[in-house]
């Protein structure tokens, strides 16, 4: 299996940042009718990586402005509100230019955020 073009650099960034001071963020977990909405509030100046998802889902930048580079090499600046369908096996790195609110919408009957994370995300590209 060949990895996406920027898979290794984004994974390496994630590992390097684990030992750095962690930026402020807040996460809300919402549930309705088999849908989990994860709301992430992130401060300007933050650099972070998103999870590697196993499933297709809606990803929304509800407000704010960010630079995003994904594992396939696409780099964009996004301004909220912005809605996209995120494909399985895509990993992203973000630089938050203005305070931002992200919302991901996932299908699941689970209601424990840790169990949902285990269900919908992968640790490596080979798992996807």
Protein backbone atom coordinates (compact mmCIF):
# COMPACT_ATOMS: atom_id res chain seq x y z
CA UNK A 1 0.00 0.00 0.00
CA UNK A 2 1.37 3.42 -0.88
CA UNK A 3 0.76 6.19 1.63
CA UNK A 4 -0.70 9.56 0.66
CA UNK A 5 2.02 12.05 -0.33
CA UNK A 6 2.06 13.98 2.98
CA UNK A 7 1.03 11.18 5.35
CA UNK A 8 4.45 10.76 6.94
CA UNK A 9 5.20 14.49 7.46
CA UNK A 10 1.81 15.09 9.10
CA UNK A 11 2.21 12.04 11.35
CA UNK A 12 5.73 13.24 12.26
CA UNK A 13 4.36 16.71 13.09
CA UNK A 14 1.78 15.10 15.37
CA UNK A 15 4.44 13.09 17.22
CA UNK A 16 6.72 16.14 17.58
CA UNK A 17 3.90 18.25 19.04
CA UNK A 18 2.96 15.70 21.73
CA UNK A 19 5.79 16.87 24.00
CA UNK A 20 5.11 20.58 23.46
CA UNK A 21 2.88 22.76 25.63
CA UNK A 22 -0.72 22.07 24.65
CA UNK A 23 -2.89 24.90 23.36
CA UNK A 24 -6.25 25.80 24.85
CA UNK A 25 -9.22 24.10 23.23
CA UNK A 26 -12.67 23.00 24.31
CA UNK A 27 -14.72 20.07 22.99
CA UNK A 28 -18.50 19.60 23.24
CA UNK A 29 -20.16 16.24 22.51
CA UNK A 30 -23.74 16.24 21.15
CA UNK A 31 -26.02 13.32 20.24
CA UNK A 32 -29.31 13.06 18.33
CA UNK A 33 -30.94 10.23 16.37
CA UNK A 34 -27.81 8.21 15.62
CA UNK A 35 -25.69 11.28 14.89
CA UNK A 36 -22.71 12.43 16.94
CA UNK A 37 -21.67 16.07 16.55
CA UNK A 38 -18.23 16.85 17.95
CA UNK A 39 -17.71 20.60 18.42
CA UNK A 40 -14.13 21.80 18.84
CA UNK A 41 -13.30 25.38 19.88
CA UNK A 42 -9.69 26.37 19.08
CA UNK A 43 -7.80 29.62 19.72
CA UNK A 44 -5.97 31.61 17.05
CA UNK A 45 -2.29 30.70 16.75
CA UNK A 46 -2.90 27.01 17.43
CA UNK A 47 -1.31 24.30 15.28
CA UNK A 48 -2.94 20.87 15.48
CA UNK A 49 -3.54 17.69 13.55
CA UNK A 50 -6.89 16.04 13.02
CA UNK A 51 -7.63 12.38 13.59
CA UNK A 52 -7.25 9.80 10.85
CA UNK A 53 -10.85 8.71 10.23
CA UNK A 54 -12.07 5.32 9.01
CA UNK A 55 -15.41 6.67 7.80
CA UNK A 56 -16.85 9.37 5.58
CA UNK A 57 -18.39 12.28 7.53
CA UNK A 58 -19.42 15.92 7.32
CA UNK A 59 -16.74 18.34 8.52
CA UNK A 60 -17.67 21.96 9.16
CA UNK A 61 -15.66 25.02 9.98
CA UNK A 62 -18.54 26.87 11.65
CA UNK A 63 -16.56 30.05 12.26
CA UNK A 64 -13.03 31.37 12.08
CA UNK A 65 -10.22 31.16 9.55
CA UNK A 66 -7.62 28.38 9.18
CA UNK A 67 -4.89 27.11 6.87
CA UNK A 68 -5.20 23.40 6.23
CA UNK A 69 -2.90 20.90 4.54
CA UNK A 70 -4.07 17.32 4.07
CA UNK A 71 -2.22 14.06 3.61
CA UNK A 72 -2.99 14.13 -0.13
CA UNK A 73 -1.04 17.39 -0.58
CA UNK A 74 -4.00 19.79 -0.80
CA UNK A 75 -3.38 23.11 0.97
CA UNK A 76 -6.21 25.60 1.41
CA UNK A 77 -7.27 28.55 3.51
CA UNK A 78 -10.80 28.10 4.85
CA UNK A 79 -13.17 30.70 6.25
CA UNK A 80 -16.24 29.65 8.20
CA UNK A 81 -18.94 28.82 7.60
CA UNK A 82 -17.57 26.05 5.37
CA UNK A 83 -18.94 22.50 4.98
CA UNK A 84 -17.24 19.53 3.30
CA UNK A 85 -17.46 15.77 3.12
CA UNK A 86 -14.31 14.25 4.60
CA UNK A 87 -13.17 11.01 3.01
CA UNK A 88 -11.82 8.01 4.94
CA UNK A 89 -8.05 7.88 5.25
CA UNK A 90 -7.41 11.63 5.13
CA UNK A 91 -5.27 13.29 7.79
CA UNK A 92 -4.95 17.05 8.14
CA UNK A 93 -2.72 19.62 9.80
CA UNK A 94 -4.23 22.99 10.72
CA UNK A 95 -2.92 26.44 11.60
CA UNK A 96 -5.69 28.52 13.19
CA UNK A 97 -5.50 32.11 11.92
CA UNK A 98 -8.63 33.35 13.77
CA UNK A 99 -10.42 31.69 16.70
CA UNK A 100 -12.29 28.78 15.14
CA UNK A 101 -15.15 26.38 15.79
CA UNK A 102 -15.05 23.01 14.00
CA UNK A 103 -17.98 20.58 13.94
CA UNK A 104 -17.74 16.99 12.72
CA UNK A 105 -20.92 14.95 12.20
CA UNK A 106 -20.64 11.15 12.47
CA UNK A 107 -23.21 8.33 12.19
CA UNK A 108 -23.13 6.15 15.30
CA UNK A 109 -25.43 4.68 17.88
CA UNK A 110 -22.74 5.00 20.55
CA UNK A 111 -22.87 7.81 23.11
CA UNK A 112 -19.47 7.47 24.81
CA UNK A 113 -16.99 9.84 23.11
CA UNK A 114 -14.04 7.49 23.81
CA UNK A 115 -15.88 4.51 22.32
CA UNK A 116 -16.87 6.60 19.29
CA UNK A 117 -13.27 7.68 18.77
CA UNK A 118 -12.17 4.03 18.78
CA UNK A 119 -14.92 3.17 16.29
CA UNK A 120 -14.34 5.96 13.76
CA UNK A 121 -10.60 6.65 13.89
CA UNK A 122 -7.40 4.75 13.12
CA UNK A 123 -3.87 5.08 14.43
CA UNK A 124 -2.18 4.29 11.09
CA UNK A 125 -3.02 4.59 7.41
CA UNK A 126 -2.69 0.82 7.08
CA UNK A 127 -5.71 0.39 9.42
CA UNK A 128 -8.00 2.43 7.17
